[in-house]
Amino acid sequence: MNKSELVRVIAAETGVRPQDVDSVLTGFVTRVEEVVRGGGSVKVTGFGVFRARDTEPRAGRNPRTGEAIPIPASRRLAFKPSKKLTDRL
């Protein structure tokens, strides 16, 4: 499901105009990005937690040549689903 499909489904289920649903969804994504980029986390009760994780530099391997290559440290977005969501799946 892509964003426009999600907006259509939510609009149909809630009776809210699709433009308003799109605006709220875009605002949610923007705020999550800002908070996580700033080092915080966003917890949506019953759904999960969005946060950034730092990875350590490590050695990798080029699958084509087998040559060892360095993989630098980085920050990754992490999502940990809530137990409630996990149990429903």
PDB file of N, CA and C in Angstrom:
ATOM      1  N   MET A   1       0.853  -1.176   0.000  1.00  0.00           N
ATOM      2  CA  MET A   1       0.000   0.000   0.000  1.00  0.00           C
ATOM      3  C   MET A   1       0.891   1.229   0.000  1.00  0.00           C
ATOM      4  N   ASN A   2       0.619   2.160  -0.901  1.00  0.00           N
ATOM      5  CA  ASN A   2       1.399   3.396  -0.915  1.00  0.00           C
ATOM      6  C   ASN A   2       0.625   4.501  -0.192  1.00  0.00           C
ATOM      7  N   LYS A   3       1.218   5.694  -0.133  1.00  0.00           N
ATOM      8  CA  LYS A   3       0.635   6.780   0.649  1.00  0.00           C
ATOM      9  C   LYS A   3      -0.746   7.178   0.132  1.00  0.00           C
ATOM     10  N   SER A   4      -0.913   7.306  -1.170  1.00  0.00           N
ATOM     11  CA  SER A   4      -2.209   7.745  -1.694  1.00  0.00           C
ATOM     12  C   SER A   4      -3.298   6.708  -1.417  1.00  0.00           C
ATOM     13  N   GLU A   5      -2.951   5.420  -1.487  1.00  0.00           N
ATOM     14  CA  GLU A   5      -3.922   4.380  -1.148  1.00  0.00           C
ATOM     15  C   GLU A   5      -4.294   4.445   0.326  1.00  0.00           C
ATOM     16  N   LEU A   6      -3.294   4.661   1.171  1.00  0.00           N
ATOM     17  CA  LEU A   6      -3.540   4.777   2.612  1.00  0.00           C
ATOM     18  C   LEU A   6      -4.451   5.965   2.899  1.00  0.00           C
ATOM     19  N   VAL A   7      -4.194   7.094   2.258  1.00  0.00           N
ATOM     20  CA  VAL A   7      -5.019   8.286   2.451  1.00  0.00           C
ATOM     21  C   VAL A   7      -6.463   8.000   2.039  1.00  0.00           C
ATOM     22  N   ARG A   8      -6.659   7.357   0.904  1.00  0.00           N
ATOM     23  CA  ARG A   8      -8.016   7.033   0.434  1.00  0.00           C
ATOM     24  C   ARG A   8      -8.754   6.118   1.421  1.00  0.00           C
ATOM     25  N   VAL A   9      -8.070   5.101   1.929  1.00  0.00           N
ATOM     26  CA  VAL A   9      -8.698   4.163   2.863  1.00  0.00           C
ATOM     27  C   VAL A   9      -9.078   4.867   4.161  1.00  0.00           C
ATOM     28  N   ILE A  10      -8.164   5.652   4.707  1.00  0.00           N
ATOM     29  CA  ILE A  10      -8.454   6.357   5.967  1.00  0.00           C
ATOM     30  C   ILE A  10      -9.585   7.351   5.765  1.00  0.00           C
ATOM     31  N   ALA A  11      -9.570   8.064   4.645  1.00  0.00           N
ATOM     32  CA  ALA A  11     -10.643   9.026   4.363  1.00  0.00           C
ATOM     33  C   ALA A  11     -11.993   8.329   4.271  1.00  0.00           C
ATOM     34  N   ALA A  12     -12.036   7.192   3.614  1.00  0.00           N
ATOM     35  CA  ALA A  12     -13.296   6.444   3.474  1.00  0.00           C
ATOM     36  C   ALA A  12     -13.791   5.922   4.822  1.00  0.00           C
ATOM     37  N   GLU A  13     -12.868   5.462   5.667  1.00  0.00           N
ATOM     38  CA  GLU A  13     -13.257   4.899   6.963  1.00  0.00           C
ATOM     39  C   GLU A  13     -13.683   5.960   7.968  1.00  0.00           C
ATOM     40  N   THR A  14     -13.096   7.150   7.859  1.00  0.00           N
ATOM     41  CA  THR A  14     -13.355   8.187   8.863  1.00  0.00           C
ATOM     42  C   THR A  14     -14.326   9.268   8.405  1.00  0.00           C
ATOM     43  N   GLY A  15     -14.543   9.376   7.092  1.00  0.00           N
ATOM     44  CA  GLY A  15     -15.404  10.431   6.580  1.00  0.00           C
ATOM     45  C   GLY A  15     -14.714  11.780   6.504  1.00  0.00           C
ATOM     46  N   VAL A  16     -13.403  11.801   6.696  1.00  0.00           N
ATOM     47  CA  VAL A  16     -12.607  13.026   6.606  1.00  0.00           C
ATOM     48  C   VAL A  16     -12.156  13.197   5.160  1.00  0.00           C
ATOM     49  N   ARG A  17     -12.085  14.449   4.710  1.00  0.00           N
ATOM     50  CA  ARG A  17     -11.659  14.704   3.331  1.00  0.00           C
ATOM     51  C   ARG A  17     -10.251  14.161   3.097  1.00  0.00           C
ATOM     52  N   PRO A  18      -9.997  13.567   1.929  1.00  0.00           N
ATOM     53  CA  PRO A  18      -8.659  13.033   1.629  1.00  0.00           C
ATOM     54  C   PRO A  18      -7.547  14.078   1.759  1.00  0.00           C
ATOM     55  N   GLN A  19      -7.837  15.341   1.406  1.00  0.00           N
ATOM     56  CA  GLN A  19      -6.828  16.401   1.536  1.00  0.00           C
ATOM     57  C   GLN A  19      -6.430  16.595   2.990  1.00  0.00           C
ATOM     58  N   ASP A  20      -7.406  16.495   3.895  1.00  0.00           N
ATOM     59  CA  ASP A  20      -7.115  16.662   5.321  1.00  0.00           C
ATOM     60  C   ASP A  20      -6.330  15.470   5.867  1.00  0.00           C
ATOM     61  N   VAL A  21      -6.691  14.274   5.435  1.00  0.00           N
ATOM     62  CA  VAL A  21      -5.960  13.069   5.855  1.00  0.00           C
ATOM     63  C   VAL A  21      -4.517  13.156   5.368  1.00  0.00           C
ATOM     64  N   ASP A  22      -4.318  13.575   4.123  1.00  0.00           N
ATOM     65  CA  ASP A  22      -2.969  13.715   3.570  1.00  0.00           C
ATOM     66  C   ASP A  22      -2.164  14.732   4.367  1.00  0.00           C
ATOM     67  N   SER A  23      -2.784  15.839   4.735  1.00  0.00           N
ATOM     68  CA  SER A  23      -2.100  16.875   5.506  1.00  0.00           C
ATOM     69  C   SER A  23      -1.665  16.351   6.877  1.00  0.00           C
ATOM     70  N   VAL A  24      -2.544  15.613   7.534  1.00  0.00           N
ATOM     71  CA  VAL A  24      -2.225  15.055   8.866  1.00  0.00           C
ATOM     72  C   VAL A  24      -1.117  14.010   8.749  1.00  0.00           C
ATOM     73  N   LEU A  25      -1.212  13.140   7.756  1.00  0.00           N
ATOM     74  CA  LEU A  25      -0.198  12.101   7.567  1.00  0.00           C
ATOM     75  C   LEU A  25       1.167  12.713   7.255  1.00  0.00           C
ATOM     76  N   THR A  26       1.184  13.724   6.395  1.00  0.00           N
ATOM     77  CA  THR A  26       2.436  14.408   6.067  1.00  0.00           C
ATOM     78  C   THR A  26       3.015  15.092   7.305  1.00  0.00           C
ATOM     79  N   GLY A  27       2.154  15.712   8.102  1.00  0.00           N
ATOM     80  CA  GLY A  27       2.607  16.351   9.344  1.00  0.00           C
ATOM     81  C   GLY A  27       3.186  15.347  10.322  1.00  0.00           C
ATOM     82  N   PHE A  28       2.555  14.195  10.440  1.00  0.00           N
ATOM     83  CA  PHE A  28       3.049  13.145  11.324  1.00  0.00           C
ATOM     84  C   PHE A  28       4.447  12.694  10.902  1.00  0.00           C
ATOM     85  N   VAL A  29       4.611  12.404   9.626  1.00  0.00           N
ATOM     86  CA  VAL A  29       5.906  11.936   9.120  1.00  0.00           C
ATOM     87  C   VAL A  29       6.982  13.002   9.328  1.00  0.00           C
ATOM     88  N   THR A  30       6.635  14.257   9.069  1.00  0.00           N
ATOM     89  CA  THR A  30       7.593  15.356   9.244  1.00  0.00           C
ATOM     90  C   THR A  30       8.022  15.483  10.699  1.00  0.00           C
ATOM     91  N   ARG A  31       7.083  15.418  11.622  1.00  0.00           N
ATOM     92  CA  ARG A  31       7.416  15.555  13.051  1.00  0.00           C
ATOM     93  C   ARG A  31       8.239  14.373  13.542  1.00  0.00           C
ATOM     94  N   VAL A  32       7.902  13.162  13.120  1.00  0.00           N
ATOM     95  CA  VAL A  32       8.692  11.994  13.511  1.00  0.00           C
ATOM     96  C   VAL A  32      10.124  12.174  13.026  1.00  0.00           C
ATOM     97  N   GLU A  33      10.281  12.605  11.786  1.00  0.00           N
ATOM     98  CA  GLU A  33      11.621  12.822  11.233  1.00  0.00           C
ATOM     99  C   GLU A  33      12.400  13.853  12.046  1.00  0.00           C
ATOM    100  N   GLU A  34      11.760  14.968  12.388  1.00  0.00           N
ATOM    101  CA  GLU A  34      12.436  16.019  13.154  1.00  0.00           C
ATOM    102  C   GLU A  34      12.849  15.536  14.537  1.00  0.00           C
ATOM    103  N   VAL A  35      11.957  14.846  15.227  1.00  0.00           N
ATOM    104  CA  VAL A  35      12.252  14.375  16.584  1.00  0.00           C
ATOM    105  C   VAL A  35      13.371  13.337  16.559  1.00  0.00           C
ATOM    106  N   VAL A  36      13.295  12.391  15.646  1.00  0.00           N
ATOM    107  CA  VAL A  36      14.301  11.333  15.571  1.00  0.00           C
ATOM    108  C   VAL A  36      15.647  11.919  15.161  1.00  0.00           C
ATOM    109  N   ARG A  37      15.646  12.856  14.208  1.00  0.00           N
ATOM    110  CA  ARG A  37      16.896  13.491  13.793  1.00  0.00           C
ATOM    111  C   ARG A  37      17.544  14.229  14.962  1.00  0.00           C
ATOM    112  N   GLY A  38      16.714  14.777  15.870  1.00  0.00           N
ATOM    113  CA  GLY A  38      17.219  15.488  17.034  1.00  0.00           C
ATOM    114  C   GLY A  38      17.650  14.583  18.174  1.00  0.00           C
ATOM    115  N   GLY A  39      17.549  13.275  18.000  1.00  0.00           N
ATOM    116  CA  GLY A  39      18.001  12.350  19.023  1.00  0.00           C
ATOM    117  C   GLY A  39      16.894  11.801  19.901  1.00  0.00           C
ATOM    118  N   GLY A  40      15.663  12.210  19.662  1.00  0.00           N
ATOM    119  CA  GLY A  40      14.549  11.729  20.473  1.00  0.00           C
ATOM    120  C   GLY A  40      13.889  10.502  19.875  1.00  0.00           C
ATOM    121  N   SER A  41      12.802  10.108  20.492  1.00  0.00           N
ATOM    122  CA  SER A  41      12.028   8.978  19.979  1.00  0.00           C
ATOM    123  C   SER A  41      10.559   9.351  20.008  1.00  0.00           C
ATOM    124  N   VAL A  42       9.783   8.698  19.161  1.00  0.00           N
ATOM    125  CA  VAL A  42       8.345   8.933  19.094  1.00  0.00           C
ATOM    126  C   VAL A  42       7.654   7.615  19.395  1.00  0.00           C
ATOM    127  N   LYS A  43       6.876   7.611  20.478  1.00  0.00           N
ATOM    128  CA  LYS A  43       6.158   6.403  20.880  1.00  0.00           C
ATOM    129  C   LYS A  43       4.676   6.587  20.568  1.00  0.00           C
ATOM    130  N   VAL A  44       4.142   5.691  19.773  1.00  0.00           N
ATOM    131  CA  VAL A  44       2.717   5.676  19.469  1.00  0.00           C
ATOM    132  C   VAL A  44       2.159   4.454  20.197  1.00  0.00           C
ATOM    133  N   THR A  45       1.463   4.690  21.288  1.00  0.00           N
ATOM    134  CA  THR A  45       0.957   3.610  22.125  1.00  0.00           C
ATOM    135  C   THR A  45       0.109   2.646  21.308  1.00  0.00           C
ATOM    136  N   GLY A  46       0.392   1.370  21.462  1.00  0.00           N
ATOM    137  CA  GLY A  46      -0.328   0.339  20.739  1.00  0.00           C
ATOM    138  C   GLY A  46       0.201   0.098  19.338  1.00  0.00           C
ATOM    139  N   PHE A  47       1.179   0.898  18.911  1.00  0.00           N
ATOM    140  CA  PHE A  47       1.741   0.747  17.569  1.00  0.00           C
ATOM    141  C   PHE A  47       3.238   0.463  17.625  1.00  0.00           C
ATOM    142  N   GLY A  48       4.019   1.376  18.209  1.00  0.00           N
ATOM    143  CA  GLY A  48       5.454   1.142  18.324  1.00  0.00           C
ATOM    144  C   GLY A  48       6.231   2.419  18.587  1.00  0.00           C
ATOM    145  N   VAL A  49       7.554   2.299  18.503  1.00  0.00           N
ATOM    146  CA  VAL A  49       8.462   3.405  18.792  1.00  0.00           C
ATOM    147  C   VAL A  49       9.396   3.610  17.601  1.00  0.00           C
ATOM    148  N   PHE A  50       9.511   4.880  17.171  1.00  0.00           N
ATOM    149  CA  PHE A  50      10.462   5.272  16.136  1.00  0.00           C
ATOM    150  C   PHE A  50      11.638   5.946  16.828  1.00  0.00           C
ATOM    151  N   ARG A  51      12.867   5.550  16.465  1.00  0.00           N
ATOM    152  CA  ARG A  51      14.049   6.203  17.021  1.00  0.00           C
ATOM    153  C   ARG A  51      15.241   5.961  16.094  1.00  0.00           C
ATOM    154  N   ALA A  52      16.318   6.693  16.350  1.00  0.00           N
ATOM    155  CA  ALA A  52      17.536   6.517  15.569  1.00  0.00           C
ATOM    156  C   ALA A  52      18.492   5.611  16.338  1.00  0.00           C
ATOM    157  N   ARG A  53      19.200   4.787  15.607  1.00  0.00           N
ATOM    158  CA  ARG A  53      20.225   3.934  16.205  1.00  0.00           C
ATOM    159  C   ARG A  53      21.535   4.216  15.514  1.00  0.00           C
ATOM    160  N   ASP A  54      22.585   4.296  16.299  1.00  0.00           N
ATOM    161  CA  ASP A  54      23.924   4.476  15.741  1.00  0.00           C
ATOM    162  C   ASP A  54      24.539   3.106  15.498  1.00  0.00           C
ATOM    163  N   THR A  55      25.144   2.947  14.335  1.00  0.00           N
ATOM    164  CA  THR A  55      25.833   1.695  14.035  1.00  0.00           C
ATOM    165  C   THR A  55      27.334   1.929  14.120  1.00  0.00           C
ATOM    166  N   GLU A  56      28.044   0.918  14.525  1.00  0.00           N
ATOM    167  CA  GLU A  56      29.494   0.993  14.629  1.00  0.00           C
ATOM    168  C   GLU A  56      30.119   0.757  13.251  1.00  0.00           C
ATOM    169  N   PRO A  57      31.296   1.311  13.026  1.00  0.00           N
ATOM    170  CA  PRO A  57      31.976   0.973  11.772  1.00  0.00           C
ATOM    171  C   PRO A  57      32.336  -0.517  11.793  1.00  0.00           C
ATOM    172  N   ARG A  58      32.292  -1.136  10.632  1.00  0.00           N
ATOM    173  CA  ARG A  58      32.575  -2.570  10.580  1.00  0.00           C
ATOM    174  C   ARG A  58      33.155  -2.935   9.234  1.00  0.00           C
ATOM    175  N   ALA A  59      33.637  -4.129   9.161  1.00  0.00           N
ATOM    176  CA  ALA A  59      34.196  -4.628   7.905  1.00  0.00           C
ATOM    177  C   ALA A  59      33.096  -5.369   7.153  1.00  0.00           C
ATOM    178  N   GLY A  60      33.016  -5.116   5.867  1.00  0.00           N
ATOM    179  CA  GLY A  60      32.067  -5.816   5.018  1.00  0.00           C
ATOM    180  C   GLY A  60      32.839  -6.539   3.920  1.00  0.00           C
ATOM    181  N   ARG A  61      32.112  -7.148   3.027  1.00  0.00           N
ATOM    182  CA  ARG A  61      32.752  -7.878   1.943  1.00  0.00           C
ATOM    183  C   ARG A  61      31.995  -7.600   0.657  1.00  0.00           C
ATOM    184  N   ASN A  62      32.729  -7.250  -0.390  1.00  0.00           N
ATOM    185  CA  ASN A  62      32.151  -7.050  -1.706  1.00  0.00           C
ATOM    186  C   ASN A  62      31.712  -8.421  -2.222  1.00  0.00           C
ATOM    187  N   PRO A  63      30.415  -8.627  -2.469  1.00  0.00           N
ATOM    188  CA  PRO A  63      29.957  -9.959  -2.872  1.00  0.00           C
ATOM    189  C   PRO A  63      30.471 -10.382  -4.251  1.00  0.00           C
ATOM    190  N   ARG A  64      30.797  -9.431  -5.084  1.00  0.00           N
ATOM    191  CA  ARG A  64      31.254  -9.764  -6.428  1.00  0.00           C
ATOM    192  C   ARG A  64      32.715 -10.217  -6.429  1.00  0.00           C
ATOM    193  N   THR A  65      33.554  -9.502  -5.645  1.00  0.00           N
ATOM    194  CA  THR A  65      34.988  -9.797  -5.674  1.00  0.00           C
ATOM    195  C   THR A  65      35.483 -10.514  -4.426  1.00  0.00           C
ATOM    196  N   GLY A  66      34.715 -10.450  -3.339  1.00  0.00           N
ATOM    197  CA  GLY A  66      35.150 -11.048  -2.081  1.00  0.00           C
ATOM    198  C   GLY A  66      36.102 -10.159  -1.310  1.00  0.00           C
ATOM    199  N   GLU A  67      36.385  -8.980  -1.858  1.00  0.00           N
ATOM    200  CA  GLU A  67      37.325  -8.055  -1.227  1.00  0.00           C
ATOM    201  C   GLU A  67      36.698  -7.441   0.031  1.00  0.00           C
ATOM    202  N   ALA A  68      37.502  -7.311   1.090  1.00  0.00           N
ATOM    203  CA  ALA A  68      37.038  -6.682   2.325  1.00  0.00           C
ATOM    204  C   ALA A  68      36.930  -5.180   2.100  1.00  0.00           C
ATOM    205  N   ILE A  69      35.827  -4.593   2.577  1.00  0.00           N
ATOM    206  CA  ILE A  69      35.640  -3.149   2.444  1.00  0.00           C
ATOM    207  C   ILE A  69      35.170  -2.596   3.793  1.00  0.00           C
ATOM    208  N   PRO A  70      35.594  -1.381   4.111  1.00  0.00           N
ATOM    209  CA  PRO A  70      35.143  -0.780   5.376  1.00  0.00           C
ATOM    210  C   PRO A  70      33.735  -0.196   5.208  1.00  0.00           C
ATOM    211  N   ILE A  71      32.895  -0.417   6.200  1.00  0.00           N
ATOM    212  CA  ILE A  71      31.566   0.178   6.235  1.00  0.00           C
ATOM    213  C   ILE A  71      31.586   1.195   7.367  1.00  0.00           C
ATOM    214  N   PRO A  72      31.397   2.479   7.054  1.00  0.00           N
ATOM    215  CA  PRO A  72      31.516   3.511   8.083  1.00  0.00           C
ATOM    216  C   PRO A  72      30.351   3.484   9.072  1.00  0.00           C
ATOM    217  N   ALA A  73      30.548   4.113  10.223  1.00  0.00           N
ATOM    218  CA  ALA A  73      29.484   4.259  11.207  1.00  0.00           C
ATOM    219  C   ALA A  73      28.383   5.118  10.603  1.00  0.00           C
ATOM    220  N   SER A  74      27.145   4.889  11.025  1.00  0.00           N
ATOM    221  CA  SER A  74      26.037   5.692  10.507  1.00  0.00           C
ATOM    222  C   SER A  74      24.887   5.682  11.497  1.00  0.00           C
ATOM    223  N   ARG A  75      23.876   6.491  11.199  1.00  0.00           N
ATOM    224  CA  ARG A  75      22.641   6.501  11.991  1.00  0.00           C
ATOM    225  C   ARG A  75      21.555   5.894  11.135  1.00  0.00           C
ATOM    226  N   ARG A  76      20.752   5.027  11.729  1.00  0.00           N
ATOM    227  CA  ARG A  76      19.672   4.345  11.016  1.00  0.00           C
ATOM    228  C   ARG A  76      18.362   4.593  11.745  1.00  0.00           C
ATOM    229  N   LEU A  77      17.296   4.680  10.989  1.00  0.00           N
ATOM    230  CA  LEU A  77      15.981   4.777  11.592  1.00  0.00           C
ATOM    231  C   LEU A  77      15.570   3.381  12.044  1.00  0.00           C
ATOM    232  N   ALA A  78      15.084   3.284  13.266  1.00  0.00           N
ATOM    233  CA  ALA A  78      14.644   1.994  13.796  1.00  0.00           C
ATOM    234  C   ALA A  78      13.191   2.120  14.229  1.00  0.00           C
ATOM    235  N   PHE A  79      12.437   1.068  13.989  1.00  0.00           N
ATOM    236  CA  PHE A  79      11.059   0.991  14.452  1.00  0.00           C
ATOM    237  C   PHE A  79      10.912  -0.291  15.243  1.00  0.00           C
ATOM    238  N   LYS A  80      10.450  -0.149  16.471  1.00  0.00           N
ATOM    239  CA  LYS A  80      10.200  -1.326  17.298  1.00  0.00           C
ATOM    240  C   LYS A  80       8.692  -1.413  17.514  1.00  0.00           C
ATOM    241  N   PRO A  81       8.053  -2.441  16.948  1.00  0.00           N
ATOM    242  CA  PRO A  81       6.611  -2.557  17.115  1.00  0.00           C
ATOM    243  C   PRO A  81       6.254  -2.870  18.567  1.00  0.00           C
ATOM    244  N   SER A  82       5.083  -2.401  18.976  1.00  0.00           N
ATOM    245  CA  SER A  82       4.614  -2.688  20.335  1.00  0.00           C
ATOM    246  C   SER A  82       4.222  -4.157  20.445  1.00  0.00           C
ATOM    247  N   LYS A  83       4.160  -4.639  21.663  1.00  0.00           N
ATOM    248  CA  LYS A  83       3.747  -6.033  21.876  1.00  0.00           C
ATOM    249  C   LYS A  83       2.325  -6.232  21.351  1.00  0.00           C
ATOM    250  N   LYS A  84       1.475  -5.238  21.560  1.00  0.00           N
ATOM    251  CA  LYS A  84       0.091  -5.324  21.096  1.00  0.00           C
ATOM    252  C   LYS A  84       0.040  -5.514  19.567  1.00  0.00           C
ATOM    253  N   LEU A  85       0.829  -4.734  18.840  1.00  0.00           N
ATOM    254  CA  LEU A  85       0.868  -4.867  17.381  1.00  0.00           C
ATOM    255  C   LEU A  85       1.454  -6.205  16.969  1.00  0.00           C
ATOM    256  N   THR A  86       2.516  -6.613  17.622  1.00  0.00           N
ATOM    257  CA  THR A  86       3.149  -7.893  17.306  1.00  0.00           C
ATOM    258  C   THR A  86       2.182  -9.053  17.540  1.00  0.00           C
ATOM    259  N   ASP A  87       1.433  -8.991  18.622  1.00  0.00           N
ATOM    260  CA  ASP A  87       0.485 -10.059  18.924  1.00  0.00           C
ATOM    261  C   ASP A  87      -0.644 -10.128  17.889  1.00  0.00           C
ATOM    262  N   ARG A  88      -1.037  -8.987  17.338  1.00  0.00           N
ATOM    263  CA  ARG A  88      -2.102  -8.961  16.332  1.00  0.00           C
ATOM    264  C   ARG A  88      -1.644  -9.505  14.985  1.00  0.00           C
ATOM    265  N   LEU A  89      -0.341  -9.499  14.751  1.00  0.00           N
ATOM    266  CA  LEU A  89       0.176 -10.019  13.483  1.00  0.00           C
ATOM    267  C   LEU A  89       0.299 -11.505  13.574  1.00  0.00           C
TER     268      LEU A  89
END
